[in-house]
Amino acid sequence: MRYATFNVLADAYIGYGDYSRVEPELLRPGARTQKLVQLVDSLEADVVGLQEVEEPVALSLLAVRGLAARRVARSFDEAFLLIVR
């Protein structure tokens, strides 16, 4: 069984850290969603854990065929999402 985990940086937290090494384009709200969906879909992992997942991102991931997800914990506007193939 293969596992993968990522902290996807919730848009709500962008103003709280030093992201000077990140392309400004990727810091726009929602800019990382499609790339994240493509990454998770391309992984050969059986289980994927994602931290700081906001609802629009979770809904986009649930649209990928063959994935089932469960919100494990929630704080503020984001959650930890566990995805299983």
PDB file of N, CA and C in Angstrom:
ATOM      1  N   MET A   1       0.832  -1.168   0.000  1.00  0.00           N
ATOM      2  CA  MET A   1       0.000   0.000   0.000  1.00  0.00           C
ATOM      3  C   MET A   1       0.891   1.252   0.000  1.00  0.00           C
ATOM      4  N   ARG A   2       0.519   2.240  -0.794  1.00  0.00           N
ATOM      5  CA  ARG A   2       1.299   3.480  -0.898  1.00  0.00           C
ATOM      6  C   ARG A   2       0.521   4.648  -0.295  1.00  0.00           C
ATOM      7  N   TYR A   3       1.280   5.531   0.391  1.00  0.00           N
ATOM      8  CA  TYR A   3       0.688   6.684   1.062  1.00  0.00           C
ATOM      9  C   TYR A   3       1.373   7.963   0.586  1.00  0.00           C
ATOM     10  N   ALA A   4       0.641   9.074   0.629  1.00  0.00           N
ATOM     11  CA  ALA A   4       1.201  10.393   0.336  1.00  0.00           C
ATOM     12  C   ALA A   4       0.503  11.407   1.236  1.00  0.00           C
ATOM     13  N   THR A   5       1.251  12.405   1.673  1.00  0.00           N
ATOM     14  CA  THR A   5       0.659  13.477   2.473  1.00  0.00           C
ATOM     15  C   THR A   5       1.163  14.822   1.971  1.00  0.00           C
ATOM     16  N   PHE A   6       0.293  15.820   2.064  1.00  0.00           N
ATOM     17  CA  PHE A   6       0.639  17.168   1.628  1.00  0.00           C
ATOM     18  C   PHE A   6      -0.052  18.192   2.521  1.00  0.00           C
ATOM     19  N   ASN A   7       0.617  19.309   2.749  1.00  0.00           N
ATOM     20  CA  ASN A   7      -0.026  20.488   3.303  1.00  0.00           C
ATOM     21  C   ASN A   7      -0.270  21.374   2.098  1.00  0.00           C
ATOM     22  N   VAL A   8      -1.522  21.635   1.773  1.00  0.00           N
ATOM     23  CA  VAL A   8      -1.849  22.320   0.521  1.00  0.00           C
ATOM     24  C   VAL A   8      -1.961  23.837   0.647  1.00  0.00           C
ATOM     25  N   LEU A   9      -1.738  24.382   1.826  1.00  0.00           N
ATOM     26  CA  LEU A   9      -1.812  25.813   2.110  1.00  0.00           C
ATOM     27  C   LEU A   9      -3.192  26.378   1.772  1.00  0.00           C
ATOM     28  N   ALA A  10      -4.030  26.412   2.777  1.00  0.00           N
ATOM     29  CA  ALA A  10      -5.355  27.002   2.617  1.00  0.00           C
ATOM     30  C   ALA A  10      -5.209  28.473   2.241  1.00  0.00           C
ATOM     31  N   ASP A  11      -6.043  28.936   1.328  1.00  0.00           N
ATOM     32  CA  ASP A  11      -6.004  30.339   0.915  1.00  0.00           C
ATOM     33  C   ASP A  11      -6.143  31.269   2.123  1.00  0.00           C
ATOM     34  N   ALA A  12      -6.890  30.839   3.133  1.00  0.00           N
ATOM     35  CA  ALA A  12      -7.114  31.658   4.325  1.00  0.00           C
ATOM     36  C   ALA A  12      -5.820  31.974   5.072  1.00  0.00           C
ATOM     37  N   TYR A  13      -4.765  31.198   4.863  1.00  0.00           N
ATOM     38  CA  TYR A  13      -3.518  31.377   5.604  1.00  0.00           C
ATOM     39  C   TYR A  13      -2.409  32.068   4.811  1.00  0.00           C
ATOM     40  N   ILE A  14      -2.668  32.452   3.583  1.00  0.00           N
ATOM     41  CA  ILE A  14      -1.621  33.015   2.734  1.00  0.00           C
ATOM     42  C   ILE A  14      -1.004  34.274   3.337  1.00  0.00           C
ATOM     43  N   GLY A  15      -1.766  35.071   4.028  1.00  0.00           N
ATOM     44  CA  GLY A  15      -1.255  36.313   4.589  1.00  0.00           C
ATOM     45  C   GLY A  15      -0.444  36.154   5.859  1.00  0.00           C
ATOM     46  N   TYR A  16      -0.297  34.916   6.365  1.00  0.00           N
ATOM     47  CA  TYR A  16       0.341  34.697   7.659  1.00  0.00           C
ATOM     48  C   TYR A  16       1.767  34.149   7.591  1.00  0.00           C
ATOM     49  N   GLY A  17       2.315  33.975   6.437  1.00  0.00           N
ATOM     50  CA  GLY A  17       3.653  33.369   6.352  1.00  0.00           C
ATOM     51  C   GLY A  17       4.538  34.081   5.348  1.00  0.00           C
ATOM     52  N   ASP A  18       5.760  33.618   5.265  1.00  0.00           N
ATOM     53  CA  ASP A  18       6.711  34.142   4.295  1.00  0.00           C
ATOM     54  C   ASP A  18       6.697  33.227   3.078  1.00  0.00           C
ATOM     55  N   TYR A  19       6.042  33.682   2.043  1.00  0.00           N
ATOM     56  CA  TYR A  19       5.957  32.899   0.813  1.00  0.00           C
ATOM     57  C   TYR A  19       6.703  33.605  -0.309  1.00  0.00           C
ATOM     58  N   SER A  20       7.786  34.280   0.030  1.00  0.00           N
ATOM     59  CA  SER A  20       8.550  35.054  -0.948  1.00  0.00           C
ATOM     60  C   SER A  20       9.202  34.172  -2.011  1.00  0.00           C
ATOM     61  N   ARG A  21       9.349  32.898  -1.753  1.00  0.00           N
ATOM     62  CA  ARG A  21       9.958  31.980  -2.726  1.00  0.00           C
ATOM     63  C   ARG A  21       8.922  31.304  -3.629  1.00  0.00           C
ATOM     64  N   VAL A  22       7.664  31.646  -3.408  1.00  0.00           N
ATOM     65  CA  VAL A  22       6.568  31.051  -4.186  1.00  0.00           C
ATOM     66  C   VAL A  22       6.179  32.016  -5.300  1.00  0.00           C
ATOM     67  N   GLU A  23       5.916  31.474  -6.475  1.00  0.00           N
ATOM     68  CA  GLU A  23       5.459  32.312  -7.584  1.00  0.00           C
ATOM     69  C   GLU A  23       4.186  33.044  -7.164  1.00  0.00           C
ATOM     70  N   PRO A  24       4.134  34.369  -7.334  1.00  0.00           N
ATOM     71  CA  PRO A  24       2.945  35.136  -6.930  1.00  0.00           C
ATOM     72  C   PRO A  24       1.649  34.601  -7.536  1.00  0.00           C
ATOM     73  N   GLU A  25       1.730  34.089  -8.743  1.00  0.00           N
ATOM     74  CA  GLU A  25       0.546  33.513  -9.416  1.00  0.00           C
ATOM     75  C   GLU A  25      -0.093  32.403  -8.568  1.00  0.00           C
ATOM     76  N   LEU A  26       0.733  31.609  -7.902  1.00  0.00           N
ATOM     77  CA  LEU A  26       0.224  30.488  -7.106  1.00  0.00           C
ATOM     78  C   LEU A  26      -0.380  30.923  -5.776  1.00  0.00           C
ATOM     79  N   LEU A  27      -0.220  32.168  -5.408  1.00  0.00           N
ATOM     80  CA  LEU A  27      -0.777  32.659  -4.151  1.00  0.00           C
ATOM     81  C   LEU A  27      -2.141  33.316  -4.325  1.00  0.00           C
ATOM     82  N   ARG A  28      -2.629  33.382  -5.550  1.00  0.00           N
ATOM     83  CA  ARG A  28      -3.984  33.896  -5.773  1.00  0.00           C
ATOM     84  C   ARG A  28      -4.987  32.868  -5.278  1.00  0.00           C
ATOM     85  N   PRO A  29      -6.096  33.321  -4.675  1.00  0.00           N
ATOM     86  CA  PRO A  29      -7.109  32.368  -4.195  1.00  0.00           C
ATOM     87  C   PRO A  29      -7.553  31.409  -5.294  1.00  0.00           C
ATOM     88  N   GLY A  30      -7.522  30.129  -4.983  1.00  0.00           N
ATOM     89  CA  GLY A  30      -7.963  29.093  -5.918  1.00  0.00           C
ATOM     90  C   GLY A  30      -6.959  28.700  -6.978  1.00  0.00           C
ATOM     91  N   ALA A  31      -5.817  29.380  -7.029  1.00  0.00           N
ATOM     92  CA  ALA A  31      -4.849  29.142  -8.106  1.00  0.00           C
ATOM     93  C   ALA A  31      -4.242  27.749  -8.062  1.00  0.00           C
ATOM     94  N   ARG A  32      -4.145  27.147  -6.898  1.00  0.00           N
ATOM     95  CA  ARG A  32      -3.483  25.846  -6.774  1.00  0.00           C
ATOM     96  C   ARG A  32      -4.450  24.665  -6.911  1.00  0.00           C
ATOM     97  N   THR A  33      -5.733  24.932  -6.945  1.00  0.00           N
ATOM     98  CA  THR A  33      -6.727  23.854  -6.918  1.00  0.00           C
ATOM     99  C   THR A  33      -6.567  22.869  -8.069  1.00  0.00           C
ATOM    100  N   GLN A  34      -6.544  23.357  -9.295  1.00  0.00           N
ATOM    101  CA  GLN A  34      -6.482  22.454 -10.447  1.00  0.00           C
ATOM    102  C   GLN A  34      -5.189  21.656 -10.460  1.00  0.00           C
ATOM    103  N   LYS A  35      -4.081  22.291 -10.110  1.00  0.00           N
ATOM    104  CA  LYS A  35      -2.796  21.567 -10.077  1.00  0.00           C
ATOM    105  C   LYS A  35      -2.809  20.495  -8.991  1.00  0.00           C
ATOM    106  N   LEU A  36      -3.424  20.786  -7.869  1.00  0.00           N
ATOM    107  CA  LEU A  36      -3.526  19.808  -6.792  1.00  0.00           C
ATOM    108  C   LEU A  36      -4.389  18.626  -7.219  1.00  0.00           C
ATOM    109  N   VAL A  37      -5.501  18.901  -7.868  1.00  0.00           N
ATOM    110  CA  VAL A  37      -6.375  17.826  -8.351  1.00  0.00           C
ATOM    111  C   VAL A  37      -5.614  16.940  -9.337  1.00  0.00           C
ATOM    112  N   GLN A  38      -4.869  17.555 -10.246  1.00  0.00           N
ATOM    113  CA  GLN A  38      -4.084  16.785 -11.215  1.00  0.00           C
ATOM    114  C   GLN A  38      -3.014  15.950 -10.521  1.00  0.00           C
ATOM    115  N   LEU A  39      -2.366  16.530  -9.518  1.00  0.00           N
ATOM    116  CA  LEU A  39      -1.328  15.807  -8.785  1.00  0.00           C
ATOM    117  C   LEU A  39      -1.910  14.595  -8.068  1.00  0.00           C
ATOM    118  N   VAL A  40      -2.989  14.795  -7.325  1.00  0.00           N
ATOM    119  CA  VAL A  40      -3.594  13.683  -6.580  1.00  0.00           C
ATOM    120  C   VAL A  40      -4.088  12.603  -7.534  1.00  0.00           C
ATOM    121  N   ASP A  41      -4.677  13.014  -8.647  1.00  0.00           N
ATOM    122  CA  ASP A  41      -5.174  12.047  -9.626  1.00  0.00           C
ATOM    123  C   ASP A  41      -4.040  11.246 -10.249  1.00  0.00           C
ATOM    124  N   SER A  42      -2.857  11.851 -10.391  1.00  0.00           N
ATOM    125  CA  SER A  42      -1.736  11.158 -11.035  1.00  0.00           C
ATOM    126  C   SER A  42      -0.926  10.283 -10.073  1.00  0.00           C
ATOM    127  N   LEU A  43      -1.104  10.478  -8.791  1.00  0.00           N
ATOM    128  CA  LEU A  43      -0.342   9.688  -7.818  1.00  0.00           C
ATOM    129  C   LEU A  43      -0.731   8.220  -7.880  1.00  0.00           C
ATOM    130  N   GLU A  44       0.195   7.380  -7.572  1.00  0.00           N
ATOM    131  CA  GLU A  44      -0.110   5.956  -7.480  1.00  0.00           C
ATOM    132  C   GLU A  44      -0.323   5.558  -6.034  1.00  0.00           C
ATOM    133  N   ALA A  45      -0.708   6.534  -5.202  1.00  0.00           N
ATOM    134  CA  ALA A  45      -0.926   6.282  -3.781  1.00  0.00           C
ATOM    135  C   ALA A  45      -2.331   5.736  -3.555  1.00  0.00           C
ATOM    136  N   ASP A  46      -2.433   4.810  -2.614  1.00  0.00           N
ATOM    137  CA  ASP A  46      -3.736   4.253  -2.238  1.00  0.00           C
ATOM    138  C   ASP A  46      -4.454   5.157  -1.246  1.00  0.00           C
ATOM    139  N   VAL A  47      -3.673   5.857  -0.427  1.00  0.00           N
ATOM    140  CA  VAL A  47      -4.218   6.758   0.584  1.00  0.00           C
ATOM    141  C   VAL A  47      -3.462   8.077   0.500  1.00  0.00           C
ATOM    142  N   VAL A  48      -4.210   9.177   0.484  1.00  0.00           N
ATOM    143  CA  VAL A  48      -3.606  10.507   0.443  1.00  0.00           C
ATOM    144  C   VAL A  48      -4.192  11.328   1.584  1.00  0.00           C
ATOM    145  N   GLY A  49      -3.321  11.929   2.373  1.00  0.00           N
ATOM    146  CA  GLY A  49      -3.761  12.823   3.439  1.00  0.00           C
ATOM    147  C   GLY A  49      -3.414  14.251   3.062  1.00  0.00           C
ATOM    148  N   LEU A  50      -4.409  15.137   3.129  1.00  0.00           N
ATOM    149  CA  LEU A  50      -4.198  16.532   2.770  1.00  0.00           C
ATOM    150  C   LEU A  50      -4.572  17.427   3.945  1.00  0.00           C
ATOM    151  N   GLN A  51      -3.663  18.298   4.324  1.00  0.00           N
ATOM    152  CA  GLN A  51      -3.895  19.226   5.416  1.00  0.00           C
ATOM    153  C   GLN A  51      -4.224  20.604   4.848  1.00  0.00           C
ATOM    154  N   GLU A  52      -5.069  21.354   5.548  1.00  0.00           N
ATOM    155  CA  GLU A  52      -5.491  22.706   5.157  1.00  0.00           C
ATOM    156  C   GLU A  52      -6.327  22.706   3.882  1.00  0.00           C
ATOM    157  N   VAL A  53      -7.235  21.769   3.759  1.00  0.00           N
ATOM    158  CA  VAL A  53      -8.102  21.673   2.583  1.00  0.00           C
ATOM    159  C   VAL A  53      -9.367  22.488   2.826  1.00  0.00           C
ATOM    160  N   GLU A  54      -9.608  23.455   1.954  1.00  0.00           N
ATOM    161  CA  GLU A  54     -10.834  24.250   2.027  1.00  0.00           C
ATOM    162  C   GLU A  54     -11.907  23.588   1.166  1.00  0.00           C
ATOM    163  N   GLU A  55     -13.161  23.935   1.416  1.00  0.00           N
ATOM    164  CA  GLU A  55     -14.284  23.256   0.764  1.00  0.00           C
ATOM    165  C   GLU A  55     -14.217  23.239  -0.761  1.00  0.00           C
ATOM    166  N   PRO A  56     -13.892  24.334  -1.450  1.00  0.00           N
ATOM    167  CA  PRO A  56     -13.818  24.250  -2.923  1.00  0.00           C
ATOM    168  C   PRO A  56     -12.787  23.236  -3.413  1.00  0.00           C
ATOM    169  N   VAL A  57     -11.676  23.128  -2.713  1.00  0.00           N
ATOM    170  CA  VAL A  57     -10.645  22.155  -3.087  1.00  0.00           C
ATOM    171  C   VAL A  57     -11.169  20.741  -2.857  1.00  0.00           C
ATOM    172  N   ALA A  58     -11.807  20.518  -1.716  1.00  0.00           N
ATOM    173  CA  ALA A  58     -12.356  19.195  -1.410  1.00  0.00           C
ATOM    174  C   ALA A  58     -13.381  18.781  -2.464  1.00  0.00           C
ATOM    175  N   LEU A  59     -14.248  19.685  -2.865  1.00  0.00           N
ATOM    176  CA  LEU A  59     -15.262  19.365  -3.874  1.00  0.00           C
ATOM    177  C   LEU A  59     -14.621  19.041  -5.216  1.00  0.00           C
ATOM    178  N   SER A  60     -13.566  19.744  -5.571  1.00  0.00           N
ATOM    179  CA  SER A  60     -12.857  19.456  -6.823  1.00  0.00           C
ATOM    180  C   SER A  60     -12.216  18.074  -6.784  1.00  0.00           C
ATOM    181  N   LEU A  61     -11.662  17.714  -5.637  1.00  0.00           N
ATOM    182  CA  LEU A  61     -11.036  16.396  -5.496  1.00  0.00           C
ATOM    183  C   LEU A  61     -12.080  15.285  -5.540  1.00  0.00           C
ATOM    184  N   LEU A  62     -13.248  15.529  -4.974  1.00  0.00           N
ATOM    185  CA  LEU A  62     -14.291  14.505  -4.972  1.00  0.00           C
ATOM    186  C   LEU A  62     -14.851  14.254  -6.368  1.00  0.00           C
ATOM    187  N   ALA A  63     -14.633  15.193  -7.282  1.00  0.00           N
ATOM    188  CA  ALA A  63     -15.114  15.023  -8.652  1.00  0.00           C
ATOM    189  C   ALA A  63     -14.248  14.055  -9.452  1.00  0.00           C
ATOM    190  N   VAL A  64     -13.069  13.708  -8.932  1.00  0.00           N
ATOM    191  CA  VAL A  64     -12.165  12.781  -9.621  1.00  0.00           C
ATOM    192  C   VAL A  64     -12.694  11.362  -9.444  1.00  0.00           C
ATOM    193  N   ARG A  65     -12.859  10.659 -10.539  1.00  0.00           N
ATOM    194  CA  ARG A  65     -13.378   9.283 -10.481  1.00  0.00           C
ATOM    195  C   ARG A  65     -12.437   8.376  -9.714  1.00  0.00           C
ATOM    196  N   GLY A  66     -13.020   7.490  -8.930  1.00  0.00           N
ATOM    197  CA  GLY A  66     -12.228   6.499  -8.223  1.00  0.00           C
ATOM    198  C   GLY A  66     -11.723   6.956  -6.874  1.00  0.00           C
ATOM    199  N   LEU A  67     -12.043   8.192  -6.478  1.00  0.00           N
ATOM    200  CA  LEU A  67     -11.593   8.679  -5.176  1.00  0.00           C
ATOM    201  C   LEU A  67     -12.765   8.768  -4.201  1.00  0.00           C
ATOM    202  N   ALA A  68     -12.515   8.375  -2.989  1.00  0.00           N
ATOM    203  CA  ALA A  68     -13.472   8.562  -1.898  1.00  0.00           C
ATOM    204  C   ALA A  68     -12.755   9.373  -0.834  1.00  0.00           C
ATOM    205  N   ALA A  69     -13.457  10.281  -0.190  1.00  0.00           N
ATOM    206  CA  ALA A  69     -12.797  11.149   0.780  1.00  0.00           C
ATOM    207  C   ALA A  69     -13.627  11.293   2.038  1.00  0.00           C
ATOM    208  N   ARG A  70     -12.926  11.586   3.115  1.00  0.00           N
ATOM    209  CA  ARG A  70     -13.580  11.829   4.392  1.00  0.00           C
ATOM    210  C   ARG A  70     -12.847  12.949   5.105  1.00  0.00           C
ATOM    211  N   ARG A  71     -13.623  13.910   5.564  1.00  0.00           N
ATOM    212  CA  ARG A  71     -13.035  14.985   6.355  1.00  0.00           C
ATOM    213  C   ARG A  71     -12.778  14.428   7.745  1.00  0.00           C
ATOM    214  N   VAL A  72     -11.547  14.481   8.184  1.00  0.00           N
ATOM    215  CA  VAL A  72     -11.147  13.870   9.450  1.00  0.00           C
ATOM    216  C   VAL A  72     -11.219  14.863  10.599  1.00  0.00           C
ATOM    217  N   ALA A  73     -10.792  16.070  10.386  1.00  0.00           N
ATOM    218  CA  ALA A  73     -10.819  17.083  11.435  1.00  0.00           C
ATOM    219  C   ALA A  73     -11.029  18.437  10.785  1.00  0.00           C
ATOM    220  N   ARG A  74     -11.586  19.341  11.548  1.00  0.00           N
ATOM    221  CA  ARG A  74     -11.845  20.663  10.988  1.00  0.00           C
ATOM    222  C   ARG A  74     -11.455  21.732  11.994  1.00  0.00           C
ATOM    223  N   SER A  75     -10.816  22.765  11.468  1.00  0.00           N
ATOM    224  CA  SER A  75     -10.539  23.940  12.279  1.00  0.00           C
ATOM    225  C   SER A  75     -10.729  25.167  11.401  1.00  0.00           C
ATOM    226  N   PHE A  76     -11.444  26.122  11.860  1.00  0.00           N
ATOM    227  CA  PHE A  76     -11.732  27.342  11.111  1.00  0.00           C
ATOM    228  C   PHE A  76     -12.359  26.993   9.761  1.00  0.00           C
ATOM    229  N   ASP A  77     -11.749  27.440   8.672  1.00  0.00           N
ATOM    230  CA  ASP A  77     -12.330  27.232   7.341  1.00  0.00           C
ATOM    231  C   ASP A  77     -11.680  26.097   6.563  1.00  0.00           C
ATOM    232  N   GLU A  78     -10.819  25.331   7.220  1.00  0.00           N
ATOM    233  CA  GLU A  78     -10.134  24.258   6.498  1.00  0.00           C
ATOM    234  C   GLU A  78     -10.194  22.975   7.305  1.00  0.00           C
ATOM    235  N   ALA A  79      -9.793  21.878   6.661  1.00  0.00           N
ATOM    236  CA  ALA A  79      -9.885  20.574   7.301  1.00  0.00           C
ATOM    237  C   ALA A  79      -8.748  19.672   6.827  1.00  0.00           C
ATOM    238  N   PHE A  80      -8.594  18.556   7.507  1.00  0.00           N
ATOM    239  CA  PHE A  80      -7.715  17.493   7.036  1.00  0.00           C
ATOM    240  C   PHE A  80      -8.589  16.544   6.243  1.00  0.00           C
ATOM    241  N   LEU A  81      -8.194  16.233   5.050  1.00  0.00           N
ATOM    242  CA  LEU A  81      -8.986  15.375   4.168  1.00  0.00           C
ATOM    243  C   LEU A  81      -8.213  14.084   3.903  1.00  0.00           C
ATOM    244  N   LEU A  82      -8.855  12.963   4.121  1.00  0.00           N
ATOM    245  CA  LEU A  82      -8.267  11.661   3.855  1.00  0.00           C
ATOM    246  C   LEU A  82      -8.916  11.103   2.603  1.00  0.00           C
ATOM    247  N   ILE A  83      -8.097  10.789   1.612  1.00  0.00           N
ATOM    248  CA  ILE A  83      -8.593  10.304   0.317  1.00  0.00           C
ATOM    249  C   ILE A  83      -8.118   8.872   0.114  1.00  0.00           C
ATOM    250  N   VAL A  84      -9.025   8.026  -0.323  1.00  0.00           N
ATOM    251  CA  VAL A  84      -8.710   6.608  -0.521  1.00  0.00           C
ATOM    252  C   VAL A  84      -9.141   6.210  -1.925  1.00  0.00           C
ATOM    253  N   ARG A  85      -8.292   5.447  -2.598  1.00  0.00           N
ATOM    254  CA  ARG A  85      -8.662   4.902  -3.921  1.00  0.00           C
ATOM    255  C   ARG A  85      -9.348   3.565  -3.740  1.00  0.00           C
TER     256      ARG A  85
END
